[in-house]
C-alpha cells in the first residue's frame, strides 16, 4: 500500500469550505477552512447563528476532501 506524506501535499490548492451542523442549535453552517494550517487542525470557532463555541477537529485528505468533527466545549 502506498502512503502519502502530508508534507508533500499542496494544501493551498484544496477546497476551502465544508458544510457542518452546529451541535448547539442544529443549523447548517459553512465552515471556512484555512488550508494553510495543514492537514490536521484543531481549534475553537463560534457558530455564526447562535454564537456558541465549537471545538473543531479538521482533517484534509491528500485528495482534497475535508472532514470536520464538531463538539461542544464541554465534550471530551
PDB file of N, CA and C in Angstrom:
ATOM      1  N   UNK A   1       0.845  -1.176   0.000  1.00  0.00           N
ATOM      2  CA  UNK A   1       0.000   0.000   0.000  1.00  0.00           C
ATOM      3  C   UNK A   1       0.887   1.234   0.000  1.00  0.00           C
ATOM      4  N   UNK A   2       0.538   2.214  -0.816  1.00  0.00           N
ATOM      5  CA  UNK A   2       1.311   3.443  -0.925  1.00  0.00           C
ATOM      6  C   UNK A   2       0.795   4.469   0.074  1.00  0.00           C
ATOM      7  N   UNK A   3       1.690   5.114   0.794  1.00  0.00           N
ATOM      8  CA  UNK A   3       1.271   6.162   1.720  1.00  0.00           C
ATOM      9  C   UNK A   3       1.693   7.510   1.168  1.00  0.00           C
ATOM     10  N   UNK A   4       0.957   8.536   1.568  1.00  0.00           N
ATOM     11  CA  UNK A   4       1.242   9.894   1.115  1.00  0.00           C
ATOM     12  C   UNK A   4       1.735  10.697   2.303  1.00  0.00           C
ATOM     13  N   UNK A   5       2.865  11.339   2.149  1.00  0.00           N
ATOM     14  CA  UNK A   5       3.408  12.206   3.188  1.00  0.00           C
ATOM     15  C   UNK A   5       2.680  13.536   3.112  1.00  0.00           C
ATOM     16  N   UNK A   6       2.001  13.938   4.220  1.00  0.00           N
ATOM     17  CA  UNK A   6       1.234  15.177   4.204  1.00  0.00           C
ATOM     18  C   UNK A   6       2.102  16.397   3.922  1.00  0.00           C
ATOM     19  N   UNK A   7       3.398  16.321   4.162  1.00  0.00           N
ATOM     20  CA  UNK A   7       4.288  17.437   3.865  1.00  0.00           C
ATOM     21  C   UNK A   7       4.419  17.674   2.364  1.00  0.00           C
ATOM     22  N   UNK A   8       4.085  16.651   1.553  1.00  0.00           N
ATOM     23  CA  UNK A   8       4.194  16.759   0.103  1.00  0.00           C
ATOM     24  C   UNK A   8       2.916  17.274  -0.549  1.00  0.00           C
ATOM     25  N   UNK A   9       1.834  17.432   0.217  1.00  0.00           N
ATOM     26  CA  UNK A   9       0.557  17.847  -0.332  1.00  0.00           C
ATOM     27  C   UNK A   9       0.467  19.367  -0.332  1.00  0.00           C
ATOM     28  N   UNK A  10      -0.002  19.936  -1.437  1.00  0.00           N
ATOM     29  CA  UNK A  10      -0.190  21.378  -1.550  1.00  0.00           C
ATOM     30  C   UNK A  10      -1.578  21.736  -1.030  1.00  0.00           C
ATOM     31  N   UNK A  11      -1.702  22.014   0.264  1.00  0.00           N
ATOM     32  CA  UNK A  11      -2.999  22.286   0.863  1.00  0.00           C
ATOM     33  C   UNK A  11      -3.624  23.571   0.336  1.00  0.00           C
ATOM     34  N   UNK A  12      -2.843  24.504  -0.156  1.00  0.00           N
ATOM     35  CA  UNK A  12      -3.403  25.756  -0.649  1.00  0.00           C
ATOM     36  C   UNK A  12      -4.261  25.547  -1.895  1.00  0.00           C
ATOM     37  N   UNK A  13      -4.149  24.384  -2.551  1.00  0.00           N
ATOM     38  CA  UNK A  13      -4.917  24.097  -3.754  1.00  0.00           C
ATOM     39  C   UNK A  13      -6.221  23.356  -3.464  1.00  0.00           C
ATOM     40  N   UNK A  14      -6.523  23.083  -2.200  1.00  0.00           N
ATOM     41  CA  UNK A  14      -7.672  22.268  -1.858  1.00  0.00           C
ATOM     42  C   UNK A  14      -8.898  23.115  -1.550  1.00  0.00           C
ATOM     43  N   UNK A  15     -10.068  22.439  -1.445  1.00  0.00           N
ATOM     44  CA  UNK A  15     -11.313  23.146  -1.163  1.00  0.00           C
ATOM     45  C   UNK A  15     -11.188  23.971   0.111  1.00  0.00           C
ATOM     46  N   UNK A  16     -11.906  25.068   0.177  1.00  0.00           N
ATOM     47  CA  UNK A  16     -11.735  25.993   1.285  1.00  0.00           C
ATOM     48  C   UNK A  16     -12.964  26.101   2.177  1.00  0.00           C
ATOM     49  N   UNK A  17     -13.939  25.189   2.020  1.00  0.00           N
ATOM     50  CA  UNK A  17     -15.099  25.214   2.907  1.00  0.00           C
ATOM     51  C   UNK A  17     -15.784  23.852   2.909  1.00  0.00           C
ATOM     52  N   UNK A  18     -16.570  23.619   3.956  1.00  0.00           N
ATOM     53  CA  UNK A  18     -17.382  22.411   4.058  1.00  0.00           C
ATOM     54  C   UNK A  18     -18.611  22.740   4.904  1.00  0.00           C
ATOM     55  N   UNK A  19     -19.708  22.061   4.667  1.00  0.00           N
ATOM     56  CA  UNK A  19     -20.924  22.309   5.435  1.00  0.00           C
ATOM     57  C   UNK A  19     -20.921  21.459   6.704  1.00  0.00           C
ATOM     58  N   UNK A  20     -21.262  22.080   7.827  1.00  0.00           N
ATOM     59  CA  UNK A  20     -21.330  21.400   9.120  1.00  0.00           C
ATOM     60  C   UNK A  20     -22.633  21.802   9.801  1.00  0.00           C
ATOM     61  N   UNK A  21     -22.983  21.101  10.880  1.00  0.00           N
ATOM     62  CA  UNK A  21     -24.173  21.404  11.656  1.00  0.00           C
ATOM     63  C   UNK A  21     -23.774  21.705  13.086  1.00  0.00           C
ATOM     64  N   UNK A  22     -24.259  22.821  13.604  1.00  0.00           N
ATOM     65  CA  UNK A  22     -23.924  23.262  14.953  1.00  0.00           C
ATOM     66  C   UNK A  22     -24.427  22.248  15.980  1.00  0.00           C
ATOM     67  N   UNK A  23     -23.568  21.826  16.909  1.00  0.00           N
ATOM     68  CA  UNK A  23     -24.006  20.874  17.938  1.00  0.00           C
ATOM     69  C   UNK A  23     -24.943  21.507  18.970  1.00  0.00           C
ATOM     70  N   UNK A  24     -25.075  22.820  18.968  1.00  0.00           N
ATOM     71  CA  UNK A  24     -25.983  23.506  19.892  1.00  0.00           C
ATOM     72  C   UNK A  24     -27.351  23.750  19.267  1.00  0.00           C
ATOM     73  N   UNK A  25     -27.388  24.491  18.153  1.00  0.00           N
ATOM     74  CA  UNK A  25     -28.673  24.901  17.567  1.00  0.00           C
ATOM     75  C   UNK A  25     -29.111  24.029  16.393  1.00  0.00           C
ATOM     76  N   UNK A  26     -28.214  23.200  15.849  1.00  0.00           N
ATOM     77  CA  UNK A  26     -28.553  22.296  14.760  1.00  0.00           C
ATOM     78  C   UNK A  26     -28.602  22.927  13.380  1.00  0.00           C
ATOM     79  N   UNK A  27     -28.289  24.210  13.281  1.00  0.00           N
ATOM     80  CA  UNK A  27     -28.318  24.896  11.989  1.00  0.00           C
ATOM     81  C   UNK A  27     -27.116  24.503  11.131  1.00  0.00           C
ATOM     82  N   UNK A  28     -27.344  24.404   9.827  1.00  0.00           N
ATOM     83  CA  UNK A  28     -26.260  24.152   8.881  1.00  0.00           C
ATOM     84  C   UNK A  28     -25.465  25.441   8.697  1.00  0.00           C
ATOM     85  N   UNK A  29     -24.155  25.315   8.736  1.00  0.00           N
ATOM     86  CA  UNK A  29     -23.251  26.460   8.606  1.00  0.00           C
ATOM     87  C   UNK A  29     -22.109  26.051   7.682  1.00  0.00           C
ATOM     88  N   UNK A  30     -21.660  26.970   6.849  1.00  0.00           N
ATOM     89  CA  UNK A  30     -20.499  26.702   6.009  1.00  0.00           C
ATOM     90  C   UNK A  30     -19.242  27.020   6.801  1.00  0.00           C
ATOM     91  N   UNK A  31     -18.417  26.009   7.023  1.00  0.00           N
ATOM     92  CA  UNK A  31     -17.177  26.161   7.773  1.00  0.00           C
ATOM     93  C   UNK A  31     -16.057  26.503   6.797  1.00  0.00           C
ATOM     94  N   UNK A  32     -15.483  27.673   6.953  1.00  0.00           N
ATOM     95  CA  UNK A  32     -14.361  28.071   6.109  1.00  0.00           C
ATOM     96  C   UNK A  32     -13.095  27.424   6.647  1.00  0.00           C
ATOM     97  N   UNK A  33     -12.298  26.898   5.742  1.00  0.00           N
ATOM     98  CA  UNK A  33     -11.105  26.138   6.115  1.00  0.00           C
ATOM     99  C   UNK A  33      -9.866  26.928   5.736  1.00  0.00           C
ATOM    100  N   UNK A  34      -8.982  27.117   6.700  1.00  0.00           N
ATOM    101  CA  UNK A  34      -7.674  27.725   6.437  1.00  0.00           C
ATOM    102  C   UNK A  34      -6.744  26.604   6.004  1.00  0.00           C
ATOM    103  N   UNK A  35      -6.629  26.411   4.693  1.00  0.00           N
ATOM    104  CA  UNK A  35      -5.825  25.298   4.188  1.00  0.00           C
ATOM    105  C   UNK A  35      -4.350  25.474   4.492  1.00  0.00           C
ATOM    106  N   UNK A  36      -3.929  26.682   4.822  1.00  0.00           N
ATOM    107  CA  UNK A  36      -2.538  26.914   5.196  1.00  0.00           C
ATOM    108  C   UNK A  36      -2.195  26.336   6.555  1.00  0.00           C
ATOM    109  N   UNK A  37      -3.209  25.910   7.309  1.00  0.00           N
ATOM    110  CA  UNK A  37      -2.996  25.329   8.629  1.00  0.00           C
ATOM    111  C   UNK A  37      -2.570  23.872   8.591  1.00  0.00           C
ATOM    112  N   UNK A  38      -2.506  23.279   7.425  1.00  0.00           N
ATOM    113  CA  UNK A  38      -2.059  21.902   7.296  1.00  0.00           C
ATOM    114  C   UNK A  38      -3.207  20.907   7.254  1.00  0.00           C
ATOM    115  N   UNK A  39      -2.856  19.644   7.179  1.00  0.00           N
ATOM    116  CA  UNK A  39      -3.820  18.561   7.004  1.00  0.00           C
ATOM    117  C   UNK A  39      -4.585  18.178   8.249  1.00  0.00           C
ATOM    118  N   UNK A  40      -4.030  18.430   9.424  1.00  0.00           N
ATOM    119  CA  UNK A  40      -4.707  18.139  10.685  1.00  0.00           C
ATOM    120  C   UNK A  40      -4.786  19.418  11.499  1.00  0.00           C
ATOM    121  N   UNK A  41      -5.997  19.802  11.877  1.00  0.00           N
ATOM    122  CA  UNK A  41      -6.184  21.044  12.620  1.00  0.00           C
ATOM    123  C   UNK A  41      -7.184  20.824  13.742  1.00  0.00           C
ATOM    124  N   UNK A  42      -6.989  21.533  14.852  1.00  0.00           N
ATOM    125  CA  UNK A  42      -7.958  21.555  15.942  1.00  0.00           C
ATOM    126  C   UNK A  42      -7.991  22.973  16.494  1.00  0.00           C
ATOM    127  N   UNK A  43      -9.195  23.524  16.611  1.00  0.00           N
ATOM    128  CA  UNK A  43      -9.331  24.903  17.071  1.00  0.00           C
ATOM    129  C   UNK A  43     -10.755  25.140  17.573  1.00  0.00           C
ATOM    130  N   UNK A  44     -11.007  26.309  18.155  1.00  0.00           N
ATOM    131  CA  UNK A  44     -12.333  26.699  18.634  1.00  0.00           C
ATOM    132  C   UNK A  44     -12.864  27.798  17.729  1.00  0.00           C
ATOM    133  N   UNK A  45     -14.136  27.660  17.324  1.00  0.00           N
ATOM    134  CA  UNK A  45     -14.796  28.658  16.479  1.00  0.00           C
ATOM    135  C   UNK A  45     -16.229  28.817  16.964  1.00  0.00           C
ATOM    136  N   UNK A  46     -16.775  30.018  16.877  1.00  0.00           N
ATOM    137  CA  UNK A  46     -18.147  30.278  17.300  1.00  0.00           C
ATOM    138  C   UNK A  46     -19.121  30.057  16.147  1.00  0.00           C
ATOM    139  N   UNK A  47     -20.299  29.525  16.470  1.00  0.00           N
ATOM    140  CA  UNK A  47     -21.372  29.363  15.488  1.00  0.00           C
ATOM    141  C   UNK A  47     -21.821  30.739  15.025  1.00  0.00           C
ATOM    142  N   UNK A  48     -21.969  30.922  13.722  1.00  0.00           N
ATOM    143  CA  UNK A  48     -22.412  32.217  13.209  1.00  0.00           C
ATOM    144  C   UNK A  48     -23.917  32.429  13.389  1.00  0.00           C
ATOM    145  N   UNK A  49     -24.653  31.401  13.805  1.00  0.00           N
ATOM    146  CA  UNK A  49     -26.084  31.527  14.043  1.00  0.00           C
ATOM    147  C   UNK A  49     -26.375  31.804  15.520  1.00  0.00           C
ATOM    148  N   UNK A  50     -25.890  30.921  16.437  1.00  0.00           N
ATOM    149  CA  UNK A  50     -26.230  31.046  17.856  1.00  0.00           C
ATOM    150  C   UNK A  50     -25.070  31.550  18.723  1.00  0.00           C
ATOM    151  N   UNK A  51     -23.897  31.729  18.130  1.00  0.00           N
ATOM    152  CA  UNK A  51     -22.702  32.277  18.796  1.00  0.00           C
ATOM    153  C   UNK A  51     -22.092  31.377  19.860  1.00  0.00           C
ATOM    154  N   UNK A  52     -22.523  30.120  19.963  1.00  0.00           N
ATOM    155  CA  UNK A  52     -21.916  29.183  20.912  1.00  0.00           C
ATOM    156  C   UNK A  52     -20.584  28.682  20.350  1.00  0.00           C
ATOM    157  N   UNK A  53     -19.603  28.387  21.222  1.00  0.00           N
ATOM    158  CA  UNK A  53     -18.293  27.931  20.749  1.00  0.00           C
ATOM    159  C   UNK A  53     -18.264  26.434  20.453  1.00  0.00           C
ATOM    160  N   UNK A  54     -17.645  26.071  19.342  1.00  0.00           N
ATOM    161  CA  UNK A  54     -17.437  24.674  18.960  1.00  0.00           C
ATOM    162  C   UNK A  54     -15.961  24.335  19.083  1.00  0.00           C
ATOM    163  N   UNK A  55     -15.686  23.077  19.347  1.00  0.00           N
ATOM    164  CA  UNK A  55     -14.340  22.533  19.168  1.00  0.00           C
ATOM    165  C   UNK A  55     -14.357  21.870  17.788  1.00  0.00           C
ATOM    166  N   UNK A  56     -13.511  22.339  16.895  1.00  0.00           N
ATOM    167  CA  UNK A  56     -13.448  21.831  15.525  1.00  0.00           C
ATOM    168  C   UNK A  56     -12.211  20.952  15.385  1.00  0.00           C
ATOM    169  N   UNK A  57     -12.417  19.737  14.900  1.00  0.00           N
ATOM    170  CA  UNK A  57     -11.309  18.841  14.533  1.00  0.00           C
ATOM    171  C   UNK A  57     -11.438  18.622  13.028  1.00  0.00           C
ATOM    172  N   UNK A  58     -10.409  19.009  12.309  1.00  0.00           N
ATOM    173  CA  UNK A  58     -10.455  19.033  10.852  1.00  0.00           C
ATOM    174  C   UNK A  58      -9.316  18.209  10.282  1.00  0.00           C
ATOM    175  N   UNK A  59      -9.652  17.403   9.279  1.00  0.00           N
ATOM    176  CA  UNK A  59      -8.632  16.633   8.559  1.00  0.00           C
ATOM    177  C   UNK A  59      -8.845  16.874   7.070  1.00  0.00           C
ATOM    178  N   UNK A  60      -7.786  17.271   6.403  1.00  0.00           N
ATOM    179  CA  UNK A  60      -7.820  17.450   4.954  1.00  0.00           C
ATOM    180  C   UNK A  60      -7.027  16.303   4.349  1.00  0.00           C
ATOM    181  N   UNK A  61      -7.693  15.506   3.531  1.00  0.00           N
ATOM    182  CA  UNK A  61      -7.055  14.357   2.892  1.00  0.00           C
ATOM    183  C   UNK A  61      -6.241  14.809   1.684  1.00  0.00           C
ATOM    184  N   UNK A  62      -5.254  14.020   1.287  1.00  0.00           N
ATOM    185  CA  UNK A  62      -4.453  14.373   0.108  1.00  0.00           C
ATOM    186  C   UNK A  62      -5.275  14.540  -1.167  1.00  0.00           C
ATOM    187  N   UNK A  63      -6.458  13.897  -1.241  1.00  0.00           N
ATOM    188  CA  UNK A  63      -7.297  14.044  -2.432  1.00  0.00           C
ATOM    189  C   UNK A  63      -8.118  15.332  -2.412  1.00  0.00           C
ATOM    190  N   UNK A  64      -8.007  16.124  -1.328  1.00  0.00           N
ATOM    191  CA  UNK A  64      -8.687  17.407  -1.260  1.00  0.00           C
ATOM    192  C   UNK A  64      -9.968  17.416  -0.465  1.00  0.00           C
ATOM    193  N   UNK A  65     -10.442  16.246  -0.042  1.00  0.00           N
ATOM    194  CA  UNK A  65     -11.670  16.224   0.754  1.00  0.00           C
ATOM    195  C   UNK A  65     -11.376  16.620   2.201  1.00  0.00           C
ATOM    196  N   UNK A  66     -12.332  17.308   2.805  1.00  0.00           N
ATOM    197  CA  UNK A  66     -12.177  17.748   4.189  1.00  0.00           C
ATOM    198  C   UNK A  66     -13.227  17.064   5.051  1.00  0.00           C
ATOM    199  N   UNK A  67     -12.806  16.605   6.223  1.00  0.00           N
ATOM    200  CA  UNK A  67     -13.710  16.012   7.198  1.00  0.00           C
ATOM    201  C   UNK A  67     -13.616  16.831   8.466  1.00  0.00           C
ATOM    202  N   UNK A  68     -14.759  17.330   8.932  1.00  0.00           N
ATOM    203  CA  UNK A  68     -14.787  18.143  10.144  1.00  0.00           C
ATOM    204  C   UNK A  68     -15.666  17.463  11.187  1.00  0.00           C
ATOM    205  N   UNK A  69     -15.189  17.439  12.430  1.00  0.00           N
ATOM    206  CA  UNK A  69     -15.966  16.968  13.554  1.00  0.00           C
ATOM    207  C   UNK A  69     -16.157  18.142  14.493  1.00  0.00           C
ATOM    208  N   UNK A  70     -17.404  18.399  14.880  1.00  0.00           N
ATOM    209  CA  UNK A  70     -17.700  19.479  15.807  1.00  0.00           C
ATOM    210  C   UNK A  70     -18.164  18.889  17.123  1.00  0.00           C
ATOM    211  N   UNK A  71     -17.805  19.548  18.210  1.00  0.00           N
ATOM    212  CA  UNK A  71     -18.251  19.143  19.530  1.00  0.00           C
ATOM    213  C   UNK A  71     -18.425  20.396  20.377  1.00  0.00           C
ATOM    214  N   UNK A  72     -19.266  20.305  21.398  1.00  0.00           N
ATOM    215  CA  UNK A  72     -19.370  21.408  22.342  1.00  0.00           C
ATOM    216  C   UNK A  72     -18.089  21.435  23.165  1.00  0.00           C
ATOM    217  N   UNK A  73     -17.778  22.563  23.758  1.00  0.00           N
ATOM    218  CA  UNK A  73     -16.532  22.670  24.521  1.00  0.00           C
ATOM    219  C   UNK A  73     -16.516  21.788  25.754  1.00  0.00           C
ATOM    220  N   UNK A  74     -17.694  21.432  26.295  1.00  0.00           N
ATOM    221  CA  UNK A  74     -17.711  20.586  27.480  1.00  0.00           C
ATOM    222  C   UNK A  74     -17.638  19.105  27.166  1.00  0.00           C
ATOM    223  N   UNK A  75     -17.648  18.737  25.863  1.00  0.00           N
ATOM    224  CA  UNK A  75     -17.470  17.343  25.457  1.00  0.00           C
ATOM    225  C   UNK A  75     -15.986  17.028  25.385  1.00  0.00           C
ATOM    226  N   UNK A  76     -15.626  15.844  25.764  1.00  0.00           N
ATOM    227  CA  UNK A  76     -14.209  15.436  25.738  1.00  0.00           C
ATOM    228  C   UNK A  76     -13.746  15.100  24.351  1.00  0.00           C
TER     229      UNK A  76
END
